[in-house]
Amino acid sequence: CYFQTYLFKQAVEKLATSDLTPPNIRDAVKGQE
């Protein structure tokens, strides 16, 4: 749970506010470390 929160944060930071949707966040998290 702890590290997934950081992965989620990194994925969200890649997106514009207008693009924050579950499918976009899922795509943005691919390859995140």
Full PDB file with SEQRES, HELIX, SHEET, SSBOND, CRYST1, ORIGX, SCALE, CONECT and MASTER records, all heavy atoms in Angstrom:
SEQRES   1 A   33  CYS TYR PHE GLN THR TYR LEU PHE LYS GLN ALA VAL GLU          
SEQRES   2 A   33  LYS LEU ALA THR SER ASP LEU THR PRO PRO ASN ILE ARG          
SEQRES   3 A   33  ASP ALA VAL LYS GLY GLN GLU                                  
HELIX    1 AA1 TYR A    2  GLU A   13  1                                  12    
HELIX    2 AA2 THR A   17  ASP A   19  5                                   3    
HELIX    3 AA3 PRO A   22  ALA A   28  1                                   7    
CRYST1    1.000    1.000    1.000  90.00  90.00  90.00 P 1           1          
ORIGX1      1.000000  0.000000  0.000000        0.00000                         
ORIGX2      0.000000  1.000000  0.000000        0.00000                         
ORIGX3      0.000000  0.000000  1.000000        0.00000                         
SCALE1      1.000000  0.000000  0.000000        0.00000                         
SCALE2      0.000000  1.000000  0.000000        0.00000                         
SCALE3      0.000000  0.000000  1.000000        0.00000                         
ATOM      1  N   CYS A   1       0.833  -1.209   0.000  1.00  0.00           N  
ATOM      2  CA  CYS A   1       0.000   0.000   0.000  1.00  0.00           C  
ATOM      3  C   CYS A   1       0.868   1.260   0.000  1.00  0.00           C  
ATOM      4  O   CYS A   1       0.548   2.240  -0.676  1.00  0.00           O  
ATOM      5  CB  CYS A   1      -0.918  -0.006   1.220  1.00  0.00           C  
ATOM      6  SG  CYS A   1      -2.193  -1.277   1.215  1.00  0.00           S  
ATOM      7  N   TYR A   2       1.946   1.200   0.740  1.00  0.00           N  
ATOM      8  CA  TYR A   2       2.854   2.348   0.865  1.00  0.00           C  
ATOM      9  C   TYR A   2       3.491   2.702  -0.471  1.00  0.00           C  
ATOM     10  O   TYR A   2       3.409   3.839  -0.932  1.00  0.00           O  
ATOM     11  CB  TYR A   2       3.914   1.993   1.906  1.00  0.00           C  
ATOM     12  CG  TYR A   2       4.989   3.020   2.137  1.00  0.00           C  
ATOM     13  CD1 TYR A   2       4.741   4.171   2.877  1.00  0.00           C  
ATOM     14  CD2 TYR A   2       6.279   2.815   1.653  1.00  0.00           C  
ATOM     15  CE1 TYR A   2       5.742   5.106   3.112  1.00  0.00           C  
ATOM     16  CE2 TYR A   2       7.294   3.745   1.887  1.00  0.00           C  
ATOM     17  CZ  TYR A   2       7.016   4.885   2.615  1.00  0.00           C  
ATOM     18  OH  TYR A   2       8.000   5.797   2.848  1.00  0.00           O  
ATOM     19  N   PHE A   3       4.107   1.706  -1.133  1.00  0.00           N  
ATOM     20  CA  PHE A   3       4.812   2.061  -2.363  1.00  0.00           C  
ATOM     21  C   PHE A   3       3.849   2.313  -3.516  1.00  0.00           C  
ATOM     22  O   PHE A   3       4.148   3.094  -4.426  1.00  0.00           O  
ATOM     23  CB  PHE A   3       5.906   1.048  -2.717  1.00  0.00           C  
ATOM     24  CG  PHE A   3       5.469  -0.282  -3.285  1.00  0.00           C  
ATOM     25  CD1 PHE A   3       4.879  -0.391  -4.535  1.00  0.00           C  
ATOM     26  CD2 PHE A   3       5.710  -1.450  -2.570  1.00  0.00           C  
ATOM     27  CE1 PHE A   3       4.513  -1.616  -5.064  1.00  0.00           C  
ATOM     28  CE2 PHE A   3       5.358  -2.690  -3.088  1.00  0.00           C  
ATOM     29  CZ  PHE A   3       4.748  -2.764  -4.341  1.00  0.00           C  
ATOM     30  N   GLN A   4       2.671   1.703  -3.488  1.00  0.00           N  
ATOM     31  CA  GLN A   4       1.703   1.952  -4.550  1.00  0.00           C  
ATOM     32  C   GLN A   4       1.204   3.395  -4.518  1.00  0.00           C  
ATOM     33  O   GLN A   4       0.862   3.963  -5.564  1.00  0.00           O  
ATOM     34  CB  GLN A   4       0.544   0.976  -4.437  1.00  0.00           C  
ATOM     35  CG  GLN A   4       0.901  -0.440  -4.878  1.00  0.00           C  
ATOM     36  CD  GLN A   4      -0.208  -1.430  -4.624  1.00  0.00           C  
ATOM     37  OE1 GLN A   4      -1.386  -1.092  -4.697  1.00  0.00           O  
ATOM     38  NE2 GLN A   4       0.168  -2.659  -4.313  1.00  0.00           N  
ATOM     39  N   THR A   5       1.158   3.985  -3.341  1.00  0.00           N  
ATOM     40  CA  THR A   5       0.757   5.391  -3.234  1.00  0.00           C  
ATOM     41  C   THR A   5       1.742   6.280  -3.994  1.00  0.00           C  
ATOM     42  O   THR A   5       1.344   7.216  -4.701  1.00  0.00           O  
ATOM     43  CB  THR A   5       0.680   5.820  -1.759  1.00  0.00           C  
ATOM     44  OG1 THR A   5      -0.268   4.996  -1.078  1.00  0.00           O  
ATOM     45  CG2 THR A   5       0.271   7.281  -1.638  1.00  0.00           C  
ATOM     46  N   TYR A   6       3.029   5.966  -3.891  1.00  0.00           N  
ATOM     47  CA  TYR A   6       4.039   6.743  -4.601  1.00  0.00           C  
ATOM     48  C   TYR A   6       3.975   6.498  -6.104  1.00  0.00           C  
ATOM     49  O   TYR A   6       4.170   7.431  -6.906  1.00  0.00           O  
ATOM     50  CB  TYR A   6       5.431   6.416  -4.059  1.00  0.00           C  
ATOM     51  CG  TYR A   6       5.700   7.047  -2.719  1.00  0.00           C  
ATOM     52  CD1 TYR A   6       5.479   6.341  -1.539  1.00  0.00           C  
ATOM     53  CD2 TYR A   6       6.145   8.365  -2.622  1.00  0.00           C  
ATOM     54  CE1 TYR A   6       5.710   6.921  -0.303  1.00  0.00           C  
ATOM     55  CE2 TYR A   6       6.383   8.953  -1.394  1.00  0.00           C  
ATOM     56  CZ  TYR A   6       6.155   8.229  -0.235  1.00  0.00           C  
ATOM     57  OH  TYR A   6       6.365   8.823   0.985  1.00  0.00           O  
ATOM     58  N   LEU A   7       3.701   5.257  -6.513  1.00  0.00           N  
ATOM     59  CA  LEU A   7       3.546   4.981  -7.941  1.00  0.00           C  
ATOM     60  C   LEU A   7       2.346   5.733  -8.512  1.00  0.00           C  
ATOM     61  O   LEU A   7       2.398   6.271  -9.617  1.00  0.00           O  
ATOM     62  CB  LEU A   7       3.390   3.472  -8.164  1.00  0.00           C  
ATOM     63  CG  LEU A   7       4.639   2.630  -7.895  1.00  0.00           C  
ATOM     64  CD1 LEU A   7       4.283   1.149  -7.923  1.00  0.00           C  
ATOM     65  CD2 LEU A   7       5.732   2.934  -8.909  1.00  0.00           C  
ATOM     66  N   PHE A   8       1.272   5.765  -7.752  1.00  0.00           N  
ATOM     67  CA  PHE A   8       0.077   6.510  -8.162  1.00  0.00           C  
ATOM     68  C   PHE A   8       0.415   8.001  -8.308  1.00  0.00           C  
ATOM     69  O   PHE A   8       0.035   8.650  -9.299  1.00  0.00           O  
ATOM     70  CB  PHE A   8      -1.037   6.306  -7.138  1.00  0.00           C  
ATOM     71  CG  PHE A   8      -2.269   7.115  -7.389  1.00  0.00           C  
ATOM     72  CD1 PHE A   8      -3.230   6.698  -8.300  1.00  0.00           C  
ATOM     73  CD2 PHE A   8      -2.479   8.316  -6.720  1.00  0.00           C  
ATOM     74  CE1 PHE A   8      -4.371   7.446  -8.536  1.00  0.00           C  
ATOM     75  CE2 PHE A   8      -3.619   9.068  -6.948  1.00  0.00           C  
ATOM     76  CZ  PHE A   8      -4.569   8.636  -7.859  1.00  0.00           C  
ATOM     77  N   LYS A   9       1.140   8.530  -7.334  1.00  0.00           N  
ATOM     78  CA  LYS A   9       1.535   9.940  -7.359  1.00  0.00           C  
ATOM     79  C   LYS A   9       2.352  10.250  -8.612  1.00  0.00           C  
ATOM     80  O   LYS A   9       2.121  11.259  -9.299  1.00  0.00           O  
ATOM     81  CB  LYS A   9       2.336  10.269  -6.101  1.00  0.00           C  
ATOM     82  CG  LYS A   9       2.941  11.673  -6.059  1.00  0.00           C  
ATOM     83  CD  LYS A   9       3.680  11.887  -4.736  1.00  0.00           C  
ATOM     84  CE  LYS A   9       4.305  13.265  -4.666  1.00  0.00           C  
ATOM     85  NZ  LYS A   9       5.463  13.392  -5.577  1.00  0.00           N  
ATOM     86  N   GLN A  10       3.308   9.381  -8.935  1.00  0.00           N  
ATOM     87  CA  GLN A  10       4.145   9.606 -10.104  1.00  0.00           C  
ATOM     88  C   GLN A  10       3.333   9.560 -11.400  1.00  0.00           C  
ATOM     89  O   GLN A  10       3.572  10.344 -12.324  1.00  0.00           O  
ATOM     90  CB  GLN A  10       5.267   8.562 -10.150  1.00  0.00           C  
ATOM     91  CG  GLN A  10       6.303   8.749  -9.062  1.00  0.00           C  
ATOM     92  CD  GLN A  10       7.343   7.651  -9.003  1.00  0.00           C  
ATOM     93  OE1 GLN A  10       8.121   7.568  -8.051  1.00  0.00           O  
ATOM     94  NE2 GLN A  10       7.390   6.784 -10.004  1.00  0.00           N  
ATOM     95  N   ALA A  11       2.378   8.652 -11.443  1.00  0.00           N  
ATOM     96  CA  ALA A  11       1.533   8.549 -12.636  1.00  0.00           C  
ATOM     97  C   ALA A  11       0.678   9.799 -12.806  1.00  0.00           C  
ATOM     98  O   ALA A  11       0.560  10.345 -13.906  1.00  0.00           O  
ATOM     99  CB  ALA A  11       0.656   7.307 -12.543  1.00  0.00           C  
ATOM    100  N   VAL A  12       0.088  10.269 -11.718  1.00  0.00           N  
ATOM    101  CA  VAL A  12      -0.765  11.460 -11.765  1.00  0.00           C  
ATOM    102  C   VAL A  12       0.033  12.685 -12.184  1.00  0.00           C  
ATOM    103  O   VAL A  12      -0.453  13.534 -12.949  1.00  0.00           O  
ATOM    104  CB  VAL A  12      -1.442  11.682 -10.399  1.00  0.00           C  
ATOM    105  CG1 VAL A  12      -2.100  13.067 -10.325  1.00  0.00           C  
ATOM    106  CG2 VAL A  12      -2.488  10.598 -10.137  1.00  0.00           C  
ATOM    107  N   GLU A  13       1.261  12.785 -11.712  1.00  0.00           N  
ATOM    108  CA  GLU A  13       2.090  13.951 -12.026  1.00  0.00           C  
ATOM    109  C   GLU A  13       2.471  14.012 -13.503  1.00  0.00           C  
ATOM    110  O   GLU A  13       2.876  15.077 -13.990  1.00  0.00           O  
ATOM    111  CB  GLU A  13       3.346  13.935 -11.153  1.00  0.00           C  
ATOM    112  CG  GLU A  13       3.065  14.264  -9.694  1.00  0.00           C  
ATOM    113  CD  GLU A  13       4.284  14.134  -8.809  1.00  0.00           C  
ATOM    114  OE1 GLU A  13       5.260  13.472  -9.230  1.00  0.00           O  
ATOM    115  OE2 GLU A  13       4.266  14.689  -7.688  1.00  0.00           O  
ATOM    116  N   LYS A  14       2.340  12.915 -14.214  1.00  0.00           N  
ATOM    117  CA  LYS A  14       2.629  12.911 -15.648  1.00  0.00           C  
ATOM    118  C   LYS A  14       1.480  13.505 -16.470  1.00  0.00           C  
ATOM    119  O   LYS A  14       1.666  13.820 -17.648  1.00  0.00           O  
ATOM    120  CB  LYS A  14       2.876  11.476 -16.133  1.00  0.00           C  
ATOM    121  CG  LYS A  14       4.148  10.844 -15.625  1.00  0.00           C  
ATOM    122  CD  LYS A  14       4.269   9.410 -16.101  1.00  0.00           C  
ATOM    123  CE  LYS A  14       4.323   9.307 -17.605  1.00  0.00           C  
ATOM    124  NZ  LYS A  14       4.480   7.895 -18.068  1.00  0.00           N  
ATOM    125  N   LEU A  15       0.315  13.651 -15.849  1.00  0.00           N  
ATOM    126  CA  LEU A  15      -0.888  14.028 -16.581  1.00  0.00           C  
ATOM    127  C   LEU A  15      -1.313  15.458 -16.286  1.00  0.00           C  
ATOM    128  O   LEU A  15      -1.086  15.970 -15.179  1.00  0.00           O  
ATOM    129  CB  LEU A  15      -2.035  13.079 -16.228  1.00  0.00           C  
ATOM    130  CG  LEU A  15      -1.794  11.585 -16.527  1.00  0.00           C  
ATOM    131  CD1 LEU A  15      -2.907  10.745 -15.910  1.00  0.00           C  
ATOM    132  CD2 LEU A  15      -1.711  11.347 -18.026  1.00  0.00           C  
ATOM    133  N   ALA A  16      -1.964  16.065 -17.240  1.00  0.00           N  
ATOM    134  CA  ALA A  16      -2.619  17.356 -17.009  1.00  0.00           C  
ATOM    135  C   ALA A  16      -3.878  17.126 -16.182  1.00  0.00           C  
ATOM    136  O   ALA A  16      -4.468  16.036 -16.217  1.00  0.00           O  
ATOM    137  CB  ALA A  16      -2.977  18.009 -18.337  1.00  0.00           C  
ATOM    138  N   THR A  17      -4.290  18.146 -15.466  1.00  0.00           N  
ATOM    139  CA  THR A  17      -5.475  18.013 -14.616  1.00  0.00           C  
ATOM    140  C   THR A  17      -6.683  17.557 -15.424  1.00  0.00           C  
ATOM    141  O   THR A  17      -7.486  16.730 -14.967  1.00  0.00           O  
ATOM    142  CB  THR A  17      -5.782  19.356 -13.936  1.00  0.00           C  
ATOM    143  OG1 THR A  17      -4.648  19.766 -13.165  1.00  0.00           O  
ATOM    144  CG2 THR A  17      -6.993  19.235 -13.018  1.00  0.00           C  
ATOM    145  N   SER A  18      -6.806  18.051 -16.632  1.00  0.00           N  
ATOM    146  CA  SER A  18      -7.945  17.692 -17.479  1.00  0.00           C  
ATOM    147  C   SER A  18      -7.909  16.236 -17.939  1.00  0.00           C  
ATOM    148  O   SER A  18      -8.910  15.709 -18.426  1.00  0.00           O  
ATOM    149  CB  SER A  18      -7.997  18.610 -18.704  1.00  0.00           C  
ATOM    150  OG  SER A  18      -6.785  18.520 -19.452  1.00  0.00           O  
ATOM    151  N   ASP A  19      -6.764  15.585 -17.795  1.00  0.00           N  
ATOM    152  CA  ASP A  19      -6.609  14.199 -18.255  1.00  0.00           C  
ATOM    153  C   ASP A  19      -6.684  13.182 -17.131  1.00  0.00           C  
ATOM    154  O   ASP A  19      -6.429  11.983 -17.350  1.00  0.00           O  
ATOM    155  CB  ASP A  19      -5.261  14.035 -18.974  1.00  0.00           C  
ATOM    156  CG  ASP A  19      -5.201  14.818 -20.273  1.00  0.00           C  
ATOM    157  OD1 ASP A  19      -6.269  15.020 -20.885  1.00  0.00           O  
ATOM    158  OD2 ASP A  19      -4.088  15.236 -20.665  1.00  0.00           O  
ATOM    159  N   LEU A  20      -7.035  13.628 -15.924  1.00  0.00           N  
ATOM    160  CA  LEU A  20      -7.041  12.712 -14.777  1.00  0.00           C  
ATOM    161  C   LEU A  20      -8.288  11.827 -14.786  1.00  0.00           C  
ATOM    162  O   LEU A  20      -9.305  12.133 -14.158  1.00  0.00           O  
ATOM    163  CB  LEU A  20      -6.953  13.509 -13.468  1.00  0.00           C  
ATOM    164  CG  LEU A  20      -5.611  14.179 -13.196  1.00  0.00           C  
ATOM    165  CD1 LEU A  20      -5.674  15.003 -11.924  1.00  0.00           C  
ATOM    166  CD2 LEU A  20      -4.498  13.146 -13.129  1.00  0.00           C  
ATOM    167  N   THR A  21      -8.187  10.740 -15.514  1.00  0.00           N  
ATOM    168  CA  THR A  21      -9.240   9.730 -15.539  1.00  0.00           C  
ATOM    169  C   THR A  21      -8.617   8.384 -15.187  1.00  0.00           C  
ATOM    170  O   THR A  21      -7.397   8.185 -15.378  1.00  0.00           O  
ATOM    171  CB  THR A  21      -9.893   9.624 -16.923  1.00  0.00           C  
ATOM    172  OG1 THR A  21      -8.909   9.138 -17.858  1.00  0.00           O  
ATOM    173  CG2 THR A  21     -10.426  10.978 -17.381  1.00  0.00           C  
ATOM    174  N   PRO A  22      -9.389   7.436 -14.655  1.00  0.00           N  
ATOM    175  CA  PRO A  22      -8.818   6.117 -14.312  1.00  0.00           C  
ATOM    176  C   PRO A  22      -8.067   5.444 -15.459  1.00  0.00           C  
ATOM    177  O   PRO A  22      -6.944   4.951 -15.246  1.00  0.00           O  
ATOM    178  CB  PRO A  22     -10.052   5.316 -13.865  1.00  0.00           C  
ATOM    179  CG  PRO A  22     -10.960   6.354 -13.280  1.00  0.00           C  
ATOM    180  CD  PRO A  22     -10.783   7.550 -14.172  1.00  0.00           C  
ATOM    181  N   PRO A  23      -8.600   5.422 -16.699  1.00  0.00           N  
ATOM    182  CA  PRO A  23      -7.831   4.786 -17.784  1.00  0.00           C  
ATOM    183  C   PRO A  23      -6.502   5.485 -18.057  1.00  0.00           C  
ATOM    184  O   PRO A  23      -5.489   4.826 -18.322  1.00  0.00           O  
ATOM    185  CB  PRO A  23      -8.776   4.894 -18.987  1.00  0.00           C  
ATOM    186  CG  PRO A  23     -10.147   4.985 -18.391  1.00  0.00           C  
ATOM    187  CD  PRO A  23      -9.956   5.799 -17.148  1.00  0.00           C  
ATOM    188  N   ASN A  24      -6.502   6.822 -17.982  1.00  0.00           N  
ATOM    189  CA  ASN A  24      -5.261   7.556 -18.247  1.00  0.00           C  
ATOM    190  C   ASN A  24      -4.225   7.330 -17.142  1.00  0.00           C  
ATOM    191  O   ASN A  24      -3.022   7.220 -17.410  1.00  0.00           O  
ATOM    192  CB  ASN A  24      -5.544   9.050 -18.393  1.00  0.00           C  
ATOM    193  CG  ASN A  24      -6.234   9.382 -19.703  1.00  0.00           C  
ATOM    194  OD1 ASN A  24      -6.240   8.582 -20.634  1.00  0.00           O  
ATOM    195  ND2 ASN A  24      -6.822  10.565 -19.777  1.00  0.00           N  
ATOM    196  N   ILE A  25      -4.695   7.277 -15.910  1.00  0.00           N  
ATOM    197  CA  ILE A  25      -3.776   7.017 -14.792  1.00  0.00           C  
ATOM    198  C   ILE A  25      -3.208   5.607 -14.913  1.00  0.00           C  
ATOM    199  O   ILE A  25      -2.011   5.387 -14.695  1.00  0.00           O  
ATOM    200  CB  ILE A  25      -4.499   7.205 -13.441  1.00  0.00           C  
ATOM    201  CG1 ILE A  25      -4.900   8.674 -13.254  1.00  0.00           C  
ATOM    202  CG2 ILE A  25      -3.609   6.754 -12.283  1.00  0.00           C  
ATOM    203  CD1 ILE A  25      -5.791   8.922 -12.059  1.00  0.00           C  
ATOM    204  N   ARG A  26      -4.044   4.659 -15.296  1.00  0.00           N  
ATOM    205  CA  ARG A  26      -3.579   3.285 -15.486  1.00  0.00           C  
ATOM    206  C   ARG A  26      -2.486   3.233 -16.559  1.00  0.00           C  
ATOM    207  O   ARG A  26      -1.464   2.570 -16.393  1.00  0.00           O  
ATOM    208  CB  ARG A  26      -4.738   2.384 -15.881  1.00  0.00           C  
ATOM    209  CG  ARG A  26      -4.348   0.906 -16.079  1.00  0.00           C  
ATOM    210  CD  ARG A  26      -5.472   0.149 -16.718  1.00  0.00           C  
ATOM    211  NE  ARG A  26      -5.780   0.693 -18.035  1.00  0.00           N  
ATOM    212  CZ  ARG A  26      -6.920   0.471 -18.682  1.00  0.00           C  
ATOM    213  NH1 ARG A  26      -7.875  -0.254 -18.126  1.00  0.00           N  
ATOM    214  NH2 ARG A  26      -7.115   0.996 -19.884  1.00  0.00           N  
ATOM    215  N   ASP A  27      -2.696   3.955 -17.650  1.00  0.00           N  
ATOM    216  CA  ASP A  27      -1.686   3.966 -18.707  1.00  0.00           C  
ATOM    217  C   ASP A  27      -0.407   4.673 -18.255  1.00  0.00           C  
ATOM    218  O   ASP A  27       0.706   4.263 -18.602  1.00  0.00           O  
ATOM    219  CB  ASP A  27      -2.242   4.654 -19.957  1.00  0.00           C  
ATOM    220  CG  ASP A  27      -3.278   3.805 -20.674  1.00  0.00           C  
ATOM    221  OD1 ASP A  27      -3.292   2.571 -20.456  1.00  0.00           O  
ATOM    222  OD2 ASP A  27      -4.082   4.372 -21.443  1.00  0.00           O  
ATOM    223  N   ALA A  28      -0.562   5.738 -17.478  1.00  0.00           N  
ATOM    224  CA  ALA A  28       0.593   6.517 -17.035  1.00  0.00           C  
ATOM    225  C   ALA A  28       1.457   5.769 -16.029  1.00  0.00           C  
ATOM    226  O   ALA A  28       2.657   6.068 -15.894  1.00  0.00           O  
ATOM    227  CB  ALA A  28       0.132   7.851 -16.438  1.00  0.00           C  
ATOM    228  N   VAL A  29       0.871   4.813 -15.321  1.00  0.00           N  
ATOM    229  CA  VAL A  29       1.646   4.094 -14.307  1.00  0.00           C  
ATOM    230  C   VAL A  29       2.516   3.001 -14.925  1.00  0.00           C  
ATOM    231  O   VAL A  29       3.430   2.482 -14.276  1.00  0.00           O  
ATOM    232  CB  VAL A  29       0.710   3.497 -13.229  1.00  0.00           C  
ATOM    233  CG1 VAL A  29       0.106   2.157 -13.685  1.00  0.00           C  
ATOM    234  CG2 VAL A  29       1.434   3.309 -11.890  1.00  0.00           C  
ATOM    235  N   LYS A  30       2.286   2.665 -16.185  1.00  0.00           N  
ATOM    236  CA  LYS A  30       3.085   1.621 -16.843  1.00  0.00           C  
ATOM    237  C   LYS A  30       4.559   2.015 -16.859  1.00  0.00           C  
ATOM    238  O   LYS A  30       4.924   3.112 -17.285  1.00  0.00           O  
ATOM    239  CB  LYS A  30       2.599   1.409 -18.282  1.00  0.00           C  
ATOM    240  CG  LYS A  30       1.204   0.837 -18.395  1.00  0.00           C  
ATOM    241  CD  LYS A  30       0.769   0.750 -19.860  1.00  0.00           C  
ATOM    242  CE  LYS A  30      -0.641   0.229 -20.002  1.00  0.00           C  
ATOM    243  NZ  LYS A  30      -1.087   0.210 -21.421  1.00  0.00           N  
ATOM    244  N   GLY A  31       5.394   1.120 -16.378  1.00  0.00           N  
ATOM    245  CA  GLY A  31       6.827   1.374 -16.364  1.00  0.00           C  
ATOM    246  C   GLY A  31       7.316   2.245 -15.223  1.00  0.00           C  
ATOM    247  O   GLY A  31       8.523   2.463 -15.097  1.00  0.00           O  
ATOM    248  N   GLN A  32       6.424   2.729 -14.381  1.00  0.00           N  
ATOM    249  CA  GLN A  32       6.841   3.564 -13.255  1.00  0.00           C  
ATOM    250  C   GLN A  32       7.655   2.738 -12.254  1.00  0.00           C  
ATOM    251  O   GLN A  32       7.358   1.573 -11.987  1.00  0.00           O  
ATOM    252  CB  GLN A  32       5.634   4.172 -12.555  1.00  0.00           C  
ATOM    253  CG  GLN A  32       4.941   5.269 -13.336  1.00  0.00           C  
ATOM    254  CD  GLN A  32       5.831   6.484 -13.527  1.00  0.00           C  
ATOM    255  OE1 GLN A  32       6.460   6.963 -12.597  1.00  0.00           O  
ATOM    256  NE2 GLN A  32       5.890   6.978 -14.761  1.00  0.00           N  
ATOM    257  N   GLU A  33       8.680   3.356 -11.693  1.00  0.00           N  
ATOM    258  CA  GLU A  33       9.551   2.713 -10.725  1.00  0.00           C  
ATOM    259  C   GLU A  33       9.648   3.556  -9.462  1.00  0.00           C  
ATOM    260  O   GLU A  33       9.499   4.780  -9.509  1.00  0.00           O  
ATOM    261  CB  GLU A  33      10.959   2.522 -11.298  1.00  0.00           C  
ATOM    262  CG  GLU A  33      11.024   1.647 -12.537  1.00  0.00           C  
ATOM    263  CD  GLU A  33      12.438   1.509 -13.079  1.00  0.00           C  
ATOM    264  OE1 GLU A  33      13.367   2.100 -12.464  1.00  0.00           O  
ATOM    265  OE2 GLU A  33      12.630   0.823 -14.094  1.00  0.00           O  
TER     266      GLU A  33                                                      
MASTER        0    0    0    3    0    0    0    6  265    1    0    3          
END                                                                             
